[in-house]
């Protein structure tokens, strides 16, 4: 049975800087379809279990969309003339 090792981003950076692992190995892991699916599943489970996280995510998304439209409106002269 395979063992799981959980490595934080800072730990991965340290391992790369010390030459224990190479960056291409990390890139291969991060680009792995199974890895992406597992991270997505873990994230969705965490959000479903904790409603406070879900509320914070909704606030962040709403604020981001609001800022996007505000920026588009403020800079409408630059793109409006091209249409």
PDB file of N, CA and C in Angstrom:
ATOM      1  N   UNK A   1       0.842  -1.173   0.000  1.00  0.00           N
ATOM      2  CA  UNK A   1       0.000   0.000   0.000  1.00  0.00           C
ATOM      3  C   UNK A   1       0.892   1.243   0.000  1.00  0.00           C
ATOM      4  N   UNK A   2       0.564   2.186  -0.834  1.00  0.00           N
ATOM      5  CA  UNK A   2       1.369   3.404  -0.962  1.00  0.00           C
ATOM      6  C   UNK A   2       1.101   4.341   0.202  1.00  0.00           C
ATOM      7  N   UNK A   3       2.146   5.044   0.596  1.00  0.00           N
ATOM      8  CA  UNK A   3       2.010   6.019   1.667  1.00  0.00           C
ATOM      9  C   UNK A   3       1.800   7.389   1.060  1.00  0.00           C
ATOM     10  N   UNK A   4       1.003   8.218   1.728  1.00  0.00           N
ATOM     11  CA  UNK A   4       0.780   9.584   1.276  1.00  0.00           C
ATOM     12  C   UNK A   4       1.696  10.507   2.060  1.00  0.00           C
ATOM     13  N   UNK A   5       2.296  11.421   1.339  1.00  0.00           N
ATOM     14  CA  UNK A   5       3.136  12.432   1.965  1.00  0.00           C
ATOM     15  C   UNK A   5       2.554  13.783   1.604  1.00  0.00           C
ATOM     16  N   UNK A   6       2.251  14.569   2.600  1.00  0.00           N
ATOM     17  CA  UNK A   6       1.699  15.902   2.369  1.00  0.00           C
ATOM     18  C   UNK A   6       2.822  16.906   2.557  1.00  0.00           C
ATOM     19  N   UNK A   7       3.080  17.679   1.492  1.00  0.00           N
ATOM     20  CA  UNK A   7       4.164  18.660   1.508  1.00  0.00           C
ATOM     21  C   UNK A   7       3.573  20.039   1.260  1.00  0.00           C
ATOM     22  N   UNK A   8       3.883  20.969   2.130  1.00  0.00           N
ATOM     23  CA  UNK A   8       3.413  22.337   1.931  1.00  0.00           C
ATOM     24  C   UNK A   8       4.239  23.003   0.835  1.00  0.00           C
ATOM     25  N   UNK A   9       3.747  24.132   0.349  1.00  0.00           N
ATOM     26  CA  UNK A   9       4.444  24.844  -0.710  1.00  0.00           C
ATOM     27  C   UNK A   9       5.829  25.280  -0.257  1.00  0.00           C
ATOM     28  N   UNK A  10       5.914  25.767   0.972  1.00  0.00           N
ATOM     29  CA  UNK A  10       7.217  26.216   1.475  1.00  0.00           C
ATOM     30  C   UNK A  10       8.201  25.051   1.595  1.00  0.00           C
ATOM     31  N   UNK A  11       7.699  23.896   1.998  1.00  0.00           N
ATOM     32  CA  UNK A  11       8.554  22.714   2.099  1.00  0.00           C
ATOM     33  C   UNK A  11       9.018  22.273   0.714  1.00  0.00           C
ATOM     34  N   UNK A  12       8.114  22.336  -0.279  1.00  0.00           N
ATOM     35  CA  UNK A  12       8.495  21.959  -1.643  1.00  0.00           C
ATOM     36  C   UNK A  12       9.569  22.898  -2.178  1.00  0.00           C
ATOM     37  N   UNK A  13       9.425  24.188  -1.917  1.00  0.00           N
ATOM     38  CA  UNK A  13      10.435  25.156  -2.355  1.00  0.00           C
ATOM     39  C   UNK A  13      11.779  24.860  -1.713  1.00  0.00           C
ATOM     40  N   UNK A  14      11.754  24.511  -0.435  1.00  0.00           N
ATOM     41  CA  UNK A  14      12.998  24.189   0.272  1.00  0.00           C
ATOM     42  C   UNK A  14      13.645  22.928  -0.305  1.00  0.00           C
ATOM     43  N   UNK A  15      12.840  21.929  -0.611  1.00  0.00           N
ATOM     44  CA  UNK A  15      13.372  20.698  -1.189  1.00  0.00           C
ATOM     45  C   UNK A  15      13.979  20.957  -2.567  1.00  0.00           C
ATOM     46  N   UNK A  16      13.356  21.826  -3.348  1.00  0.00           N
ATOM     47  CA  UNK A  16      13.902  22.179  -4.662  1.00  0.00           C
ATOM     48  C   UNK A  16      15.198  22.946  -4.495  1.00  0.00           C
ATOM     49  N   UNK A  17      15.217  23.914  -3.566  1.00  0.00           N
ATOM     50  CA  UNK A  17      16.424  24.728  -3.379  1.00  0.00           C
ATOM     51  C   UNK A  17      17.595  23.899  -2.856  1.00  0.00           C
ATOM     52  N   UNK A  18      17.313  22.875  -2.077  1.00  0.00           N
ATOM     53  CA  UNK A  18      18.372  22.019  -1.554  1.00  0.00           C
ATOM     54  C   UNK A  18      18.762  20.919  -2.537  1.00  0.00           C
ATOM     55  N   UNK A  19      18.061  20.849  -3.663  1.00  0.00           N
ATOM     56  CA  UNK A  19      18.409  19.872  -4.685  1.00  0.00           C
ATOM     57  C   UNK A  19      17.912  18.469  -4.400  1.00  0.00           C
ATOM     58  N   UNK A  20      17.043  18.309  -3.432  1.00  0.00           N
ATOM     59  CA  UNK A  20      16.528  16.982  -3.104  1.00  0.00           C
ATOM     60  C   UNK A  20      15.549  16.521  -4.176  1.00  0.00           C
ATOM     61  N   UNK A  21      14.723  17.422  -4.632  1.00  0.00           N
ATOM     62  CA  UNK A  21      13.861  17.147  -5.776  1.00  0.00           C
ATOM     63  C   UNK A  21      14.101  18.235  -6.811  1.00  0.00           C
ATOM     64  N   UNK A  22      13.785  17.930  -8.063  1.00  0.00           N
ATOM     65  CA  UNK A  22      13.967  18.940  -9.095  1.00  0.00           C
ATOM     66  C   UNK A  22      12.622  19.551  -9.470  1.00  0.00           C
ATOM     67  N   UNK A  23      12.673  20.737 -10.074  1.00  0.00           N
ATOM     68  CA  UNK A  23      11.439  21.450 -10.394  1.00  0.00           C
ATOM     69  C   UNK A  23      10.597  20.709 -11.416  1.00  0.00           C
ATOM     70  N   UNK A  24      11.235  20.012 -12.328  1.00  0.00           N
ATOM     71  CA  UNK A  24      10.458  19.282 -13.330  1.00  0.00           C
ATOM     72  C   UNK A  24       9.626  18.182 -12.670  1.00  0.00           C
ATOM     73  N   UNK A  25      10.153  17.584 -11.609  1.00  0.00           N
ATOM     74  CA  UNK A  25       9.390  16.577 -10.870  1.00  0.00           C
ATOM     75  C   UNK A  25       8.165  17.178 -10.222  1.00  0.00           C
ATOM     76  N   UNK A  26       8.312  18.376  -9.670  1.00  0.00           N
ATOM     77  CA  UNK A  26       7.189  19.074  -9.052  1.00  0.00           C
ATOM     78  C   UNK A  26       6.174  19.453 -10.121  1.00  0.00           C
ATOM     79  N   UNK A  27       6.654  19.943 -11.264  1.00  0.00           N
ATOM     80  CA  UNK A  27       5.754  20.313 -12.358  1.00  0.00           C
ATOM     81  C   UNK A  27       4.962  19.104 -12.846  1.00  0.00           C
ATOM     82  N   UNK A  28       5.629  17.958 -12.948  1.00  0.00           N
ATOM     83  CA  UNK A  28       4.941  16.744 -13.388  1.00  0.00           C
ATOM     84  C   UNK A  28       3.829  16.371 -12.415  1.00  0.00           C
ATOM     85  N   UNK A  29       4.101  16.508 -11.140  1.00  0.00           N
ATOM     86  CA  UNK A  29       3.099  16.189 -10.123  1.00  0.00           C
ATOM     87  C   UNK A  29       1.928  17.155 -10.223  1.00  0.00           C
ATOM     88  N   UNK A  30       2.222  18.458 -10.330  1.00  0.00           N
ATOM     89  CA  UNK A  30       1.165  19.459 -10.361  1.00  0.00           C
ATOM     90  C   UNK A  30       0.321  19.381 -11.628  1.00  0.00           C
ATOM     91  N   UNK A  31       0.906  18.941 -12.731  1.00  0.00           N
ATOM     92  CA  UNK A  31       0.175  18.839 -13.992  1.00  0.00           C
ATOM     93  C   UNK A  31      -0.550  17.508 -14.142  1.00  0.00           C
ATOM     94  N   UNK A  32      -0.345  16.618 -13.221  1.00  0.00           N
ATOM     95  CA  UNK A  32      -0.958  15.303 -13.255  1.00  0.00           C
ATOM     96  C   UNK A  32      -2.476  15.441 -13.091  1.00  0.00           C
ATOM     97  N   UNK A  33      -3.222  14.824 -13.978  1.00  0.00           N
ATOM     98  CA  UNK A  33      -4.688  14.915 -13.964  1.00  0.00           C
ATOM     99  C   UNK A  33      -5.271  14.335 -12.669  1.00  0.00           C
ATOM    100  N   UNK A  34      -4.702  13.238 -12.195  1.00  0.00           N
ATOM    101  CA  UNK A  34      -5.188  12.615 -10.962  1.00  0.00           C
ATOM    102  C   UNK A  34      -4.963  13.539  -9.764  1.00  0.00           C
ATOM    103  N   UNK A  35      -3.810  14.212  -9.737  1.00  0.00           N
ATOM    104  CA  UNK A  35      -3.499  15.155  -8.661  1.00  0.00           C
ATOM    105  C   UNK A  35      -4.513  16.293  -8.644  1.00  0.00           C
ATOM    106  N   UNK A  36      -4.817  16.837  -9.830  1.00  0.00           N
ATOM    107  CA  UNK A  36      -5.789  17.934  -9.922  1.00  0.00           C
ATOM    108  C   UNK A  36      -7.162  17.491  -9.432  1.00  0.00           C
ATOM    109  N   UNK A  37      -7.570  16.275  -9.799  1.00  0.00           N
ATOM    110  CA  UNK A  37      -8.870  15.762  -9.378  1.00  0.00           C
ATOM    111  C   UNK A  37      -8.919  15.591  -7.869  1.00  0.00           C
ATOM    112  N   UNK A  38      -7.839  15.084  -7.298  1.00  0.00           N
ATOM    113  CA  UNK A  38      -7.795  14.861  -5.854  1.00  0.00           C
ATOM    114  C   UNK A  38      -7.853  16.189  -5.091  1.00  0.00           C
ATOM    115  N   UNK A  39      -7.115  17.192  -5.566  1.00  0.00           N
ATOM    116  CA  UNK A  39      -7.142  18.503  -4.926  1.00  0.00           C
ATOM    117  C   UNK A  39      -8.534  19.113  -5.024  1.00  0.00           C
ATOM    118  N   UNK A  40      -9.154  18.975  -6.182  1.00  0.00           N
ATOM    119  CA  UNK A  40     -10.506  19.503  -6.383  1.00  0.00           C
ATOM    120  C   UNK A  40     -11.495  18.829  -5.437  1.00  0.00           C
ATOM    121  N   UNK A  41     -11.418  17.513  -5.318  1.00  0.00           N
ATOM    122  CA  UNK A  41     -12.321  16.779  -4.433  1.00  0.00           C
ATOM    123  C   UNK A  41     -12.141  17.193  -2.977  1.00  0.00           C
ATOM    124  N   UNK A  42     -10.897  17.332  -2.553  1.00  0.00           N
ATOM    125  CA  UNK A  42     -10.616  17.730  -1.174  1.00  0.00           C
ATOM    126  C   UNK A  42     -11.158  19.126  -0.905  1.00  0.00           C
ATOM    127  N   UNK A  43     -10.967  20.022  -1.866  1.00  0.00           N
ATOM    128  CA  UNK A  43     -11.446  21.398  -1.708  1.00  0.00           C
ATOM    129  C   UNK A  43     -12.965  21.444  -1.641  1.00  0.00           C
ATOM    130  N   UNK A  44     -13.622  20.720  -2.532  1.00  0.00           N
ATOM    131  CA  UNK A  44     -15.086  20.698  -2.514  1.00  0.00           C
ATOM    132  C   UNK A  44     -15.627  20.114  -1.217  1.00  0.00           C
ATOM    133  N   UNK A  45     -15.003  19.066  -0.714  1.00  0.00           N
ATOM    134  CA  UNK A  45     -15.426  18.482   0.559  1.00  0.00           C
ATOM    135  C   UNK A  45     -15.272  19.477   1.700  1.00  0.00           C
ATOM    136  N   UNK A  46     -14.159  20.209   1.702  1.00  0.00           N
ATOM    137  CA  UNK A  46     -13.916  21.190   2.759  1.00  0.00           C
ATOM    138  C   UNK A  46     -14.942  22.312   2.708  1.00  0.00           C
ATOM    139  N   UNK A  47     -15.293  22.750   1.513  1.00  0.00           N
ATOM    140  CA  UNK A  47     -16.268  23.832   1.367  1.00  0.00           C
ATOM    141  C   UNK A  47     -17.657  23.359   1.792  1.00  0.00           C
ATOM    142  N   UNK A  48     -18.007  22.133   1.436  1.00  0.00           N
ATOM    143  CA  UNK A  48     -19.321  21.606   1.806  1.00  0.00           C
ATOM    144  C   UNK A  48     -19.468  21.451   3.314  1.00  0.00           C
ATOM    145  N   UNK A  49     -18.381  21.088   3.979  1.00  0.00           N
ATOM    146  CA  UNK A  49     -18.434  20.871   5.422  1.00  0.00           C
ATOM    147  C   UNK A  49     -18.457  22.172   6.211  1.00  0.00           C
ATOM    148  N   UNK A  50     -17.817  23.202   5.698  1.00  0.00           N
ATOM    149  CA  UNK A  50     -17.688  24.455   6.440  1.00  0.00           C
ATOM    150  C   UNK A  50     -18.406  25.575   5.682  1.00  0.00           C
ATOM    151  N   UNK A  51     -19.560  25.971   6.180  1.00  0.00           N
ATOM    152  CA  UNK A  51     -20.367  26.991   5.508  1.00  0.00           C
ATOM    153  C   UNK A  51     -19.715  28.372   5.577  1.00  0.00           C
ATOM    154  N   UNK A  52     -18.871  28.626   6.578  1.00  0.00           N
ATOM    155  CA  UNK A  52     -18.188  29.911   6.663  1.00  0.00           C
ATOM    156  C   UNK A  52     -17.238  30.105   5.490  1.00  0.00           C
ATOM    157  N   UNK A  53     -16.573  29.033   5.082  1.00  0.00           N
ATOM    158  CA  UNK A  53     -15.678  29.108   3.922  1.00  0.00           C
ATOM    159  C   UNK A  53     -16.487  29.431   2.674  1.00  0.00           C
ATOM    160  N   UNK A  54     -17.644  28.794   2.542  1.00  0.00           N
ATOM    161  CA  UNK A  54     -18.497  29.040   1.378  1.00  0.00           C
ATOM    162  C   UNK A  54     -18.938  30.503   1.325  1.00  0.00           C
ATOM    163  N   UNK A  55     -19.285  31.075   2.472  1.00  0.00           N
ATOM    164  CA  UNK A  55     -19.679  32.485   2.520  1.00  0.00           C
ATOM    165  C   UNK A  55     -18.524  33.396   2.138  1.00  0.00           C
ATOM    166  N   UNK A  56     -17.328  33.084   2.617  1.00  0.00           N
ATOM    167  CA  UNK A  56     -16.148  33.891   2.286  1.00  0.00           C
ATOM    168  C   UNK A  56     -15.826  33.812   0.799  1.00  0.00           C
ATOM    169  N   UNK A  57     -15.954  32.626   0.229  1.00  0.00           N
ATOM    170  CA  UNK A  57     -15.701  32.460  -1.204  1.00  0.00           C
ATOM    171  C   UNK A  57     -16.696  33.288  -1.999  1.00  0.00           C
ATOM    172  N   UNK A  58     -17.965  33.268  -1.601  1.00  0.00           N
ATOM    173  CA  UNK A  58     -18.978  34.062  -2.301  1.00  0.00           C
ATOM    174  C   UNK A  58     -18.674  35.551  -2.199  1.00  0.00           C
ATOM    175  N   UNK A  59     -18.210  36.007  -1.038  1.00  0.00           N
ATOM    176  CA  UNK A  59     -17.846  37.416  -0.876  1.00  0.00           C
ATOM    177  C   UNK A  59     -16.686  37.786  -1.808  1.00  0.00           C
ATOM    178  N   UNK A  60     -15.685  36.937  -1.858  1.00  0.00           N
ATOM    179  CA  UNK A  60     -14.509  37.198  -2.698  1.00  0.00           C
ATOM    180  C   UNK A  60     -14.898  37.239  -4.171  1.00  0.00           C
ATOM    181  N   UNK A  61     -15.716  36.288  -4.603  1.00  0.00           N
ATOM    182  CA  UNK A  61     -16.138  36.247  -6.005  1.00  0.00           C
ATOM    183  C   UNK A  61     -16.975  37.468  -6.344  1.00  0.00           C
ATOM    184  N   UNK A  62     -17.899  37.838  -5.461  1.00  0.00           N
ATOM    185  CA  UNK A  62     -18.744  39.009  -5.709  1.00  0.00           C
ATOM    186  C   UNK A  62     -17.908  40.280  -5.800  1.00  0.00           C
ATOM    187  N   UNK A  63     -16.959  40.423  -4.904  1.00  0.00           N
ATOM    188  CA  UNK A  63     -16.087  41.602  -4.914  1.00  0.00           C
ATOM    189  C   UNK A  63     -15.228  41.629  -6.184  1.00  0.00           C
ATOM    190  N   UNK A  64     -14.742  40.476  -6.611  1.00  0.00           N
ATOM    191  CA  UNK A  64     -13.925  40.403  -7.823  1.00  0.00           C
ATOM    192  C   UNK A  64     -14.722  40.796  -9.060  1.00  0.00           C
ATOM    193  N   UNK A  65     -15.944  40.287  -9.169  1.00  0.00           N
ATOM    194  CA  UNK A  65     -16.784  40.621 -10.310  1.00  0.00           C
ATOM    195  C   UNK A  65     -17.150  42.105 -10.277  1.00  0.00           C
ATOM    196  N   UNK A  66     -17.426  42.618  -9.094  1.00  0.00           N
ATOM    197  CA  UNK A  66     -17.734  44.048  -8.951  1.00  0.00           C
ATOM    198  C   UNK A  66     -16.549  44.901  -9.413  1.00  0.00           C
ATOM    199  N   UNK A  67     -15.355  44.539  -8.996  1.00  0.00           N
ATOM    200  CA  UNK A  67     -14.158  45.276  -9.420  1.00  0.00           C
ATOM    201  C   UNK A  67     -13.923  45.168 -10.919  1.00  0.00           C
ATOM    202  N   UNK A  68     -14.204  44.009 -11.496  1.00  0.00           N
ATOM    203  CA  UNK A  68     -14.054  43.832 -12.935  1.00  0.00           C
ATOM    204  C   UNK A  68     -14.958  44.788 -13.699  1.00  0.00           C
ATOM    205  N   UNK A  69     -16.238  44.814 -13.335  1.00  0.00           N
ATOM    206  CA  UNK A  69     -17.165  45.678 -14.049  1.00  0.00           C
ATOM    207  C   UNK A  69     -16.884  47.151 -13.790  1.00  0.00           C
ATOM    208  N   UNK A  70     -16.427  47.474 -12.595  1.00  0.00           N
ATOM    209  CA  UNK A  70     -16.061  48.861 -12.296  1.00  0.00           C
ATOM    210  C   UNK A  70     -14.891  49.288 -13.180  1.00  0.00           C
ATOM    211  N   UNK A  71     -13.910  48.435 -13.317  1.00  0.00           N
ATOM    212  CA  UNK A  71     -12.748  48.739 -14.155  1.00  0.00           C
ATOM    213  C   UNK A  71     -13.145  48.854 -15.623  1.00  0.00           C
ATOM    214  N   UNK A  72     -13.988  47.929 -16.087  1.00  0.00           N
ATOM    215  CA  UNK A  72     -14.454  48.001 -17.475  1.00  0.00           C
ATOM    216  C   UNK A  72     -15.218  49.291 -17.727  1.00  0.00           C
ATOM    217  N   UNK A  73     -16.042  49.707 -16.775  1.00  0.00           N
ATOM    218  CA  UNK A  73     -16.813  50.941 -16.942  1.00  0.00           C
ATOM    219  C   UNK A  73     -15.889  52.159 -16.945  1.00  0.00           C
ATOM    220  N   UNK A  74     -14.901  52.161 -16.043  1.00  0.00           N
ATOM    221  CA  UNK A  74     -13.989  53.304 -15.961  1.00  0.00           C
ATOM    222  C   UNK A  74     -13.121  53.423 -17.208  1.00  0.00           C
ATOM    223  N   UNK A  75     -12.799  52.321 -17.826  1.00  0.00           N
ATOM    224  CA  UNK A  75     -11.925  52.332 -19.001  1.00  0.00           C
ATOM    225  C   UNK A  75     -12.700  52.083 -20.291  1.00  0.00           C
ATOM    226  N   UNK A  76     -13.971  52.403 -20.286  1.00  0.00           N
ATOM    227  CA  UNK A  76     -14.799  52.109 -21.447  1.00  0.00           C
ATOM    228  C   UNK A  76     -14.374  52.868 -22.677  1.00  0.00           C
ATOM    229  N   UNK A  77     -13.760  54.007 -22.521  1.00  0.00           N
ATOM    230  CA  UNK A  77     -13.343  54.797 -23.688  1.00  0.00           C
ATOM    231  C   UNK A  77     -12.253  54.055 -24.479  1.00  0.00           C
ATOM    232  N   UNK A  78     -11.431  53.290 -23.833  1.00  0.00           N
ATOM    233  CA  UNK A  78     -10.353  52.605 -24.547  1.00  0.00           C
ATOM    234  C   UNK A  78     -10.874  51.450 -25.397  1.00  0.00           C
ATOM    235  N   UNK A  79     -11.830  50.715 -24.907  1.00  0.00           N
ATOM    236  CA  UNK A  79     -12.325  49.580 -25.675  1.00  0.00           C
ATOM    237  C   UNK A  79     -13.606  49.897 -26.422  1.00  0.00           C
ATOM    238  N   UNK A  80     -14.355  50.923 -25.980  1.00  0.00           N
ATOM    239  CA  UNK A  80     -15.623  51.269 -26.604  1.00  0.00           C
ATOM    240  C   UNK A  80     -15.429  51.788 -28.024  1.00  0.00           C
ATOM    241  N   UNK A  81     -14.351  52.515 -28.263  1.00  0.00           N
ATOM    242  CA  UNK A  81     -14.084  53.065 -29.583  1.00  0.00           C
ATOM    243  C   UNK A  81     -13.730  51.993 -30.597  1.00  0.00           C
ATOM    244  N   UNK A  82     -13.182  50.887 -30.140  1.00  0.00           N
ATOM    245  CA  UNK A  82     -12.787  49.813 -31.037  1.00  0.00           C
ATOM    246  C   UNK A  82     -13.977  48.981 -31.515  1.00  0.00           C
ATOM    247  N   UNK A  83     -15.075  49.078 -30.829  1.00  0.00           N
ATOM    248  CA  UNK A  83     -16.263  48.255 -31.178  1.00  0.00           C
ATOM    249  C   UNK A  83     -17.043  48.898 -32.242  1.00  0.00           C
TER     250      UNK A  83
END
